Amino acid sequence: MKNTYSRSLSKKKVMSTDGMLIGMIKNILVDLDTGLVIDLVVKPDPTFDTGGYTMDGDRMFIPFEAVKDIKDYIVVDRYLSKK
């Protein structure tokens, strides 16, 4: 995956590799010691079943390892997204 600036991620939609709309990115979690992105913080779409995902209130956390591509959408592997 090529380098991507965090400001370009603002309000991008998050989709699974099988075409399901997961939600919209709200923020990212970064390890301040290493500078690596740990999680995407996503506001889930009302139609998306959040069962099995890490949730905190209305925020869902998707591990960055699940990200497959970043273009018009952030594409994630739905099965790697579950913790």
PDB file of N, CA and C in Angstrom:
ATOM      1  N   MET A   1       0.852  -1.168   0.000  1.00  0.00           N
ATOM      2  CA  MET A   1       0.000   0.000   0.000  1.00  0.00           C
ATOM      3  C   MET A   1       0.898   1.232   0.000  1.00  0.00           C
ATOM      4  N   LYS A   2       0.549   2.217  -0.801  1.00  0.00           N
ATOM      5  CA  LYS A   2       1.348   3.429  -0.881  1.00  0.00           C
ATOM      6  C   LYS A   2       1.111   4.291   0.359  1.00  0.00           C
ATOM      7  N   ASN A   3       1.981   5.275   0.551  1.00  0.00           N
ATOM      8  CA  ASN A   3       1.821   6.192   1.678  1.00  0.00           C
ATOM      9  C   ASN A   3       0.554   7.019   1.514  1.00  0.00           C
ATOM     10  N   THR A   4      -0.130   7.264   2.632  1.00  0.00           N
ATOM     11  CA  THR A   4      -1.364   8.034   2.625  1.00  0.00           C
ATOM     12  C   THR A   4      -1.331   8.999   3.801  1.00  0.00           C
ATOM     13  N   TYR A   5      -1.662  10.248   3.564  1.00  0.00           N
ATOM     14  CA  TYR A   5      -1.721  11.234   4.636  1.00  0.00           C
ATOM     15  C   TYR A   5      -3.019  11.084   5.400  1.00  0.00           C
ATOM     16  N   SER A   6      -2.934  11.251   6.720  1.00  0.00           N
ATOM     17  CA  SER A   6      -4.117  11.059   7.565  1.00  0.00           C
ATOM     18  C   SER A   6      -5.241  12.021   7.207  1.00  0.00           C
ATOM     19  N   ARG A   7      -4.917  13.229   6.791  1.00  0.00           N
ATOM     20  CA  ARG A   7      -5.979  14.184   6.448  1.00  0.00           C
ATOM     21  C   ARG A   7      -6.790  13.735   5.228  1.00  0.00           C
ATOM     22  N   SER A   8      -6.204  12.879   4.378  1.00  0.00           N
ATOM     23  CA  SER A   8      -6.946  12.388   3.212  1.00  0.00           C
ATOM     24  C   SER A   8      -7.944  11.300   3.600  1.00  0.00           C
ATOM     25  N   LEU A   9      -7.845  10.784   4.834  1.00  0.00           N
ATOM     26  CA  LEU A   9      -8.763   9.746   5.291  1.00  0.00           C
ATOM     27  C   LEU A   9     -10.060  10.322   5.839  1.00  0.00           C
ATOM     28  N   SER A  10     -10.075  11.606   6.119  1.00  0.00           N
ATOM     29  CA  SER A  10     -11.223  12.242   6.754  1.00  0.00           C
ATOM     30  C   SER A  10     -12.522  11.979   6.007  1.00  0.00           C
ATOM     31  N   LYS A  11     -13.473  11.413   6.729  1.00  0.00           N
ATOM     32  CA  LYS A  11     -14.830  11.153   6.242  1.00  0.00           C
ATOM     33  C   LYS A  11     -14.902  10.183   5.067  1.00  0.00           C
ATOM     34  N   LYS A  12     -13.887   9.339   4.914  1.00  0.00           N
ATOM     35  CA  LYS A  12     -13.971   8.301   3.875  1.00  0.00           C
ATOM     36  C   LYS A  12     -14.872   7.178   4.362  1.00  0.00           C
ATOM     37  N   LYS A  13     -15.565   6.555   3.427  1.00  0.00           N
ATOM     38  CA  LYS A  13     -16.393   5.406   3.761  1.00  0.00           C
ATOM     39  C   LYS A  13     -15.515   4.166   3.849  1.00  0.00           C
ATOM     40  N   VAL A  14     -15.882   3.285   4.766  1.00  0.00           N
ATOM     41  CA  VAL A  14     -15.167   2.035   4.980  1.00  0.00           C
ATOM     42  C   VAL A  14     -16.045   0.907   4.449  1.00  0.00           C
ATOM     43  N   MET A  15     -15.477   0.100   3.544  1.00  0.00           N
ATOM     44  CA  MET A  15     -16.205  -1.019   2.944  1.00  0.00           C
ATOM     45  C   MET A  15     -15.408  -2.290   3.140  1.00  0.00           C
ATOM     46  N   SER A  16     -16.126  -3.411   3.159  1.00  0.00           N
ATOM     47  CA  SER A  16     -15.460  -4.706   3.252  1.00  0.00           C
ATOM     48  C   SER A  16     -15.051  -5.161   1.854  1.00  0.00           C
ATOM     49  N   THR A  17     -14.176  -6.144   1.820  1.00  0.00           N
ATOM     50  CA  THR A  17     -13.713  -6.671   0.531  1.00  0.00           C
ATOM     51  C   THR A  17     -14.840  -7.322  -0.255  1.00  0.00           C
ATOM     52  N   ASP A  18     -15.935  -7.692   0.438  1.00  0.00           N
ATOM     53  CA  ASP A  18     -17.080  -8.271  -0.274  1.00  0.00           C
ATOM     54  C   ASP A  18     -18.147  -7.227  -0.608  1.00  0.00           C
ATOM     55  N   GLY A  19     -17.805  -5.924  -0.504  1.00  0.00           N
ATOM     56  CA  GLY A  19     -18.687  -4.854  -0.954  1.00  0.00           C
ATOM     57  C   GLY A  19     -19.695  -4.344   0.050  1.00  0.00           C
ATOM     58  N   MET A  20     -19.625  -4.787   1.299  1.00  0.00           N
ATOM     59  CA  MET A  20     -20.571  -4.346   2.317  1.00  0.00           C
ATOM     60  C   MET A  20     -20.106  -3.022   2.925  1.00  0.00           C
ATOM     61  N   LEU A  21     -21.011  -2.039   3.028  1.00  0.00           N
ATOM     62  CA  LEU A  21     -20.692  -0.763   3.652  1.00  0.00           C
ATOM     63  C   LEU A  21     -20.626  -0.961   5.158  1.00  0.00           C
ATOM     64  N   ILE A  22     -19.473  -0.663   5.748  1.00  0.00           N
ATOM     65  CA  ILE A  22     -19.277  -0.806   7.190  1.00  0.00           C
ATOM     66  C   ILE A  22     -19.604   0.494   7.909  1.00  0.00           C
ATOM     67  N   GLY A  23     -19.135   1.607   7.386  1.00  0.00           N
ATOM     68  CA  GLY A  23     -19.407   2.894   8.021  1.00  0.00           C
ATOM     69  C   GLY A  23     -18.491   3.974   7.489  1.00  0.00           C
ATOM     70  N   MET A  24     -18.279   5.020   8.316  1.00  0.00           N
ATOM     71  CA  MET A  24     -17.453   6.151   7.920  1.00  0.00           C
ATOM     72  C   MET A  24     -16.348   6.345   8.960  1.00  0.00           C
ATOM     73  N   ILE A  25     -15.133   6.583   8.473  1.00  0.00           N
ATOM     74  CA  ILE A  25     -14.008   6.773   9.381  1.00  0.00           C
ATOM     75  C   ILE A  25     -14.180   8.086  10.142  1.00  0.00           C
ATOM     76  N   LYS A  26     -13.902   8.025  11.430  1.00  0.00           N
ATOM     77  CA  LYS A  26     -13.994   9.208  12.284  1.00  0.00           C
ATOM     78  C   LYS A  26     -12.631   9.628  12.807  1.00  0.00           C
ATOM     79  N   ASN A  27     -11.730   8.666  13.007  1.00  0.00           N
ATOM     80  CA  ASN A  27     -10.426   8.973  13.575  1.00  0.00           C
ATOM     81  C   ASN A  27      -9.514   7.768  13.392  1.00  0.00           C
ATOM     82  N   ILE A  28      -8.270   7.910  13.810  1.00  0.00           N
ATOM     83  CA  ILE A  28      -7.328   6.796  13.820  1.00  0.00           C
ATOM     84  C   ILE A  28      -6.637   6.775  15.181  1.00  0.00           C
ATOM     85  N   LEU A  29      -6.223   5.577  15.619  1.00  0.00           N
ATOM     86  CA  LEU A  29      -5.419   5.433  16.829  1.00  0.00           C
ATOM     87  C   LEU A  29      -3.998   5.113  16.409  1.00  0.00           C
ATOM     88  N   VAL A  30      -3.042   5.852  16.979  1.00  0.00           N
ATOM     89  CA  VAL A  30      -1.638   5.705  16.615  1.00  0.00           C
ATOM     90  C   VAL A  30      -0.823   5.401  17.866  1.00  0.00           C
ATOM     91  N   ASP A  31       0.123   4.474  17.751  1.00  0.00           N
ATOM     92  CA  ASP A  31       1.072   4.210  18.828  1.00  0.00           C
ATOM     93  C   ASP A  31       2.092   5.346  18.801  1.00  0.00           C
ATOM     94  N   LEU A  32       2.116   6.154  19.852  1.00  0.00           N
ATOM     95  CA  LEU A  32       2.990   7.326  19.862  1.00  0.00           C
ATOM     96  C   LEU A  32       4.472   6.963  19.948  1.00  0.00           C
ATOM     97  N   ASP A  33       4.788   5.783  20.451  1.00  0.00           N
ATOM     98  CA  ASP A  33       6.196   5.371  20.525  1.00  0.00           C
ATOM     99  C   ASP A  33       6.742   4.969  19.163  1.00  0.00           C
ATOM    100  N   THR A  34       5.929   4.255  18.381  1.00  0.00           N
ATOM    101  CA  THR A  34       6.400   3.751  17.087  1.00  0.00           C
ATOM    102  C   THR A  34       5.892   4.571  15.907  1.00  0.00           C
ATOM    103  N   GLY A  35       4.796   5.298  16.096  1.00  0.00           N
ATOM    104  CA  GLY A  35       4.197   6.056  14.999  1.00  0.00           C
ATOM    105  C   GLY A  35       3.318   5.220  14.089  1.00  0.00           C
ATOM    106  N   LEU A  36       3.108   3.957  14.449  1.00  0.00           N
ATOM    107  CA  LEU A  36       2.296   3.065  13.619  1.00  0.00           C
ATOM    108  C   LEU A  36       0.809   3.226  13.941  1.00  0.00           C
ATOM    109  N   VAL A  37      -0.013   3.141  12.899  1.00  0.00           N
ATOM    110  CA  VAL A  37      -1.457   3.182  13.083  1.00  0.00           C
ATOM    111  C   VAL A  37      -1.900   1.845  13.659  1.00  0.00           C
ATOM    112  N   ILE A  38      -2.687   1.897  14.743  1.00  0.00           N
ATOM    113  CA  ILE A  38      -3.150   0.683  15.401  1.00  0.00           C
ATOM    114  C   ILE A  38      -4.559   0.330  14.934  1.00  0.00           C
ATOM    115  N   ASP A  39      -5.481   1.283  15.017  1.00  0.00           N
ATOM    116  CA  ASP A  39      -6.885   1.042  14.698  1.00  0.00           C
ATOM    117  C   ASP A  39      -7.473   2.205  13.911  1.00  0.00           C
ATOM    118  N   LEU A  40      -8.483   1.885  13.112  1.00  0.00           N
ATOM    119  CA  LEU A  40      -9.353   2.895  12.537  1.00  0.00           C
ATOM    120  C   LEU A  40     -10.554   3.017  13.463  1.00  0.00           C
ATOM    121  N   VAL A  41     -10.969   4.237  13.742  1.00  0.00           N
ATOM    122  CA  VAL A  41     -12.170   4.468  14.539  1.00  0.00           C
ATOM    123  C   VAL A  41     -13.281   4.807  13.550  1.00  0.00           C
ATOM    124  N   VAL A  42     -14.327   3.986  13.544  1.00  0.00           N
ATOM    125  CA  VAL A  42     -15.369   4.069  12.524  1.00  0.00           C
ATOM    126  C   VAL A  42     -16.733   4.255  13.181  1.00  0.00           C
ATOM    127  N   LYS A  43     -17.544   5.125  12.593  1.00  0.00           N
ATOM    128  CA  LYS A  43     -18.952   5.211  12.985  1.00  0.00           C
ATOM    129  C   LYS A  43     -19.682   4.229  12.080  1.00  0.00           C
ATOM    130  N   PRO A  44     -20.192   3.128  12.647  1.00  0.00           N
ATOM    131  CA  PRO A  44     -20.806   2.096  11.806  1.00  0.00           C
ATOM    132  C   PRO A  44     -22.092   2.571  11.142  1.00  0.00           C
ATOM    133  N   ASP A  45     -22.318   2.078   9.931  1.00  0.00           N
ATOM    134  CA  ASP A  45     -23.567   2.322   9.219  1.00  0.00           C
ATOM    135  C   ASP A  45     -24.703   1.642   9.996  1.00  0.00           C
ATOM    136  N   PRO A  46     -25.872   2.281  10.074  1.00  0.00           N
ATOM    137  CA  PRO A  46     -26.979   1.693  10.838  1.00  0.00           C
ATOM    138  C   PRO A  46     -27.390   0.290  10.363  1.00  0.00           C
ATOM    139  N   THR A  47     -27.114  -0.042   9.117  1.00  0.00           N
ATOM    140  CA  THR A  47     -27.496  -1.351   8.589  1.00  0.00           C
ATOM    141  C   THR A  47     -26.440  -2.424   8.842  1.00  0.00           C
ATOM    142  N   PHE A  48     -25.267  -2.029   9.370  1.00  0.00           N
ATOM    143  CA  PHE A  48     -24.162  -2.972   9.563  1.00  0.00           C
ATOM    144  C   PHE A  48     -24.280  -3.657  10.921  1.00  0.00           C
ATOM    145  N   ASP A  49     -24.157  -4.986  10.934  1.00  0.00           N
ATOM    146  CA  ASP A  49     -24.199  -5.765  12.168  1.00  0.00           C
ATOM    147  C   ASP A  49     -22.833  -5.685  12.849  1.00  0.00           C
ATOM    148  N   THR A  50     -22.764  -5.021  14.000  1.00  0.00           N
ATOM    149  CA  THR A  50     -21.498  -4.805  14.695  1.00  0.00           C
ATOM    150  C   THR A  50     -21.136  -5.937  15.656  1.00  0.00           C
ATOM    151  N   GLY A  51     -21.916  -7.007  15.676  1.00  0.00           N
ATOM    152  CA  GLY A  51     -21.627  -8.142  16.547  1.00  0.00           C
ATOM    153  C   GLY A  51     -20.253  -8.724  16.262  1.00  0.00           C
ATOM    154  N   GLY A  52     -19.453  -8.926  17.315  1.00  0.00           N
ATOM    155  CA  GLY A  52     -18.120  -9.490  17.162  1.00  0.00           C
ATOM    156  C   GLY A  52     -17.027  -8.459  16.963  1.00  0.00           C
ATOM    157  N   TYR A  53     -17.392  -7.204  16.824  1.00  0.00           N
ATOM    158  CA  TYR A  53     -16.420  -6.130  16.635  1.00  0.00           C
ATOM    159  C   TYR A  53     -16.189  -5.411  17.960  1.00  0.00           C
ATOM    160  N   THR A  54     -15.025  -4.814  18.119  1.00  0.00           N
ATOM    161  CA  THR A  54     -14.722  -4.034  19.310  1.00  0.00           C
ATOM    162  C   THR A  54     -15.455  -2.701  19.212  1.00  0.00           C
ATOM    163  N   MET A  55     -16.295  -2.443  20.203  1.00  0.00           N
ATOM    164  CA  MET A  55     -17.115  -1.230  20.222  1.00  0.00           C
ATOM    165  C   MET A  55     -16.845  -0.437  21.495  1.00  0.00           C
ATOM    166  N   ASP A  56     -17.006   0.870  21.409  1.00  0.00           N
ATOM    167  CA  ASP A  56     -16.974   1.769  22.562  1.00  0.00           C
ATOM    168  C   ASP A  56     -18.044   2.818  22.302  1.00  0.00           C
ATOM    169  N   GLY A  57     -19.219   2.607  22.882  1.00  0.00           N
ATOM    170  CA  GLY A  57     -20.342   3.498  22.595  1.00  0.00           C
ATOM    171  C   GLY A  57     -20.765   3.331  21.150  1.00  0.00           C
ATOM    172  N   ASP A  58     -20.770   4.430  20.401  1.00  0.00           N
ATOM    173  CA  ASP A  58     -21.160   4.371  18.985  1.00  0.00           C
ATOM    174  C   ASP A  58     -19.959   4.288  18.057  1.00  0.00           C
ATOM    175  N   ARG A  59     -18.776   3.994  18.615  1.00  0.00           N
ATOM    176  CA  ARG A  59     -17.551   3.884  17.811  1.00  0.00           C
ATOM    177  C   ARG A  59     -17.121   2.430  17.703  1.00  0.00           C
ATOM    178  N   MET A  60     -16.686   2.065  16.507  1.00  0.00           N
ATOM    179  CA  MET A  60     -16.196   0.715  16.256  1.00  0.00           C
ATOM    180  C   MET A  60     -14.707   0.819  15.913  1.00  0.00           C
ATOM    181  N   PHE A  61     -13.910  -0.119  16.425  1.00  0.00           N
ATOM    182  CA  PHE A  61     -12.477  -0.112  16.188  1.00  0.00           C
ATOM    183  C   PHE A  61     -12.113  -1.253  15.244  1.00  0.00           C
ATOM    184  N   ILE A  62     -11.450  -0.893  14.142  1.00  0.00           N
ATOM    185  CA  ILE A  62     -11.020  -1.875  13.149  1.00  0.00           C
ATOM    186  C   ILE A  62      -9.497  -1.871  13.124  1.00  0.00           C
ATOM    187  N   PRO A  63      -8.868  -3.031  13.382  1.00  0.00           N
ATOM    188  CA  PRO A  63      -7.403  -3.087  13.365  1.00  0.00           C
ATOM    189  C   PRO A  63      -6.853  -2.683  11.993  1.00  0.00           C
ATOM    190  N   PHE A  64      -5.779  -1.913  12.011  1.00  0.00           N
ATOM    191  CA  PHE A  64      -5.212  -1.436  10.746  1.00  0.00           C
ATOM    192  C   PHE A  64      -4.712  -2.581   9.877  1.00  0.00           C
ATOM    193  N   GLU A  65      -4.388  -3.714  10.487  1.00  0.00           N
ATOM    194  CA  GLU A  65      -3.930  -4.872   9.708  1.00  0.00           C
ATOM    195  C   GLU A  65      -5.006  -5.360   8.743  1.00  0.00           C
ATOM    196  N   ALA A  66      -6.261  -5.025   9.005  1.00  0.00           N
ATOM    197  CA  ALA A  66      -7.365  -5.465   8.145  1.00  0.00           C
ATOM    198  C   ALA A  66      -7.497  -4.617   6.886  1.00  0.00           C
ATOM    199  N   VAL A  67      -6.823  -3.464   6.843  1.00  0.00           N
ATOM    200  CA  VAL A  67      -6.937  -2.562   5.683  1.00  0.00           C
ATOM    201  C   VAL A  67      -6.224  -3.184   4.487  1.00  0.00           C
ATOM    202  N   LYS A  68      -6.958  -3.297   3.388  1.00  0.00           N
ATOM    203  CA  LYS A  68      -6.413  -3.871   2.154  1.00  0.00           C
ATOM    204  C   LYS A  68      -6.081  -2.812   1.109  1.00  0.00           C
ATOM    205  N   ASP A  69      -6.856  -1.713   1.085  1.00  0.00           N
ATOM    206  CA  ASP A  69      -6.652  -0.693   0.066  1.00  0.00           C
ATOM    207  C   ASP A  69      -7.263   0.619   0.531  1.00  0.00           C
ATOM    208  N   ILE A  70      -6.667   1.725   0.099  1.00  0.00           N
ATOM    209  CA  ILE A  70      -7.208   3.054   0.384  1.00  0.00           C
ATOM    210  C   ILE A  70      -7.222   3.828  -0.921  1.00  0.00           C
ATOM    211  N   LYS A  71      -8.420   4.073  -1.418  1.00  0.00           N
ATOM    212  CA  LYS A  71      -8.607   4.890  -2.618  1.00  0.00           C
ATOM    213  C   LYS A  71      -9.835   5.754  -2.381  1.00  0.00           C
ATOM    214  N   ASP A  72     -10.891   5.563  -3.162  1.00  0.00           N
ATOM    215  CA  ASP A  72     -12.141   6.289  -2.913  1.00  0.00           C
ATOM    216  C   ASP A  72     -12.778   5.826  -1.613  1.00  0.00           C
ATOM    217  N   TYR A  73     -12.578   4.557  -1.288  1.00  0.00           N
ATOM    218  CA  TYR A  73     -13.056   3.951  -0.047  1.00  0.00           C
ATOM    219  C   TYR A  73     -11.859   3.343   0.673  1.00  0.00           C
ATOM    220  N   ILE A  74     -12.027   3.111   1.964  1.00  0.00           N
ATOM    221  CA  ILE A  74     -11.061   2.311   2.702  1.00  0.00           C
ATOM    222  C   ILE A  74     -11.616   0.890   2.685  1.00  0.00           C
ATOM    223  N   VAL A  75     -10.893  -0.016   2.075  1.00  0.00           N
ATOM    224  CA  VAL A  75     -11.362  -1.395   1.936  1.00  0.00           C
ATOM    225  C   VAL A  75     -10.674  -2.250   2.993  1.00  0.00           C
ATOM    226  N   VAL A  76     -11.493  -2.965   3.771  1.00  0.00           N
ATOM    227  CA  VAL A  76     -10.955  -3.808   4.840  1.00  0.00           C
ATOM    228  C   VAL A  76     -11.474  -5.237   4.686  1.00  0.00           C
ATOM    229  N   ASP A  77     -10.688  -6.160   5.188  1.00  0.00           N
ATOM    230  CA  ASP A  77     -11.115  -7.558   5.249  1.00  0.00           C
ATOM    231  C   ASP A  77     -12.017  -7.690   6.465  1.00  0.00           C
ATOM    232  N   ARG A  78     -13.273  -7.959   6.235  1.00  0.00           N
ATOM    233  CA  ARG A  78     -14.286  -7.983   7.303  1.00  0.00           C
ATOM    234  C   ARG A  78     -13.967  -9.018   8.369  1.00  0.00           C
ATOM    235  N   TYR A  79     -13.352 -10.104   7.989  1.00  0.00           N
ATOM    236  CA  TYR A  79     -13.065 -11.169   8.945  1.00  0.00           C
ATOM    237  C   TYR A  79     -11.816 -10.872   9.777  1.00  0.00           C
ATOM    238  N   LEU A  80     -10.858 -10.148   9.219  1.00  0.00           N
ATOM    239  CA  LEU A  80      -9.694  -9.710   9.986  1.00  0.00           C
ATOM    240  C   LEU A  80     -10.038  -8.534  10.889  1.00  0.00           C
ATOM    241  N   SER A  81     -11.177  -7.893  10.637  1.00  0.00           N
ATOM    242  CA  SER A  81     -11.592  -6.719  11.404  1.00  0.00           C
ATOM    243  C   SER A  81     -12.085  -7.080  12.800  1.00  0.00           C
ATOM    244  N   LYS A  82     -12.508  -8.312  12.982  1.00  0.00           N
ATOM    245  CA  LYS A  82     -13.032  -8.731  14.289  1.00  0.00           C
ATOM    246  C   LYS A  82     -11.881  -9.064  15.207  1.00  0.00           C
ATOM    247  N   LYS A  83     -12.043  -8.693  16.484  1.00  0.00           N
ATOM    248  CA  LYS A  83     -10.998  -9.000  17.480  1.00  0.00           C
ATOM    249  C   LYS A  83     -11.470 -10.100  18.386  1.00  0.00           C
TER     250      LYS A  83
END
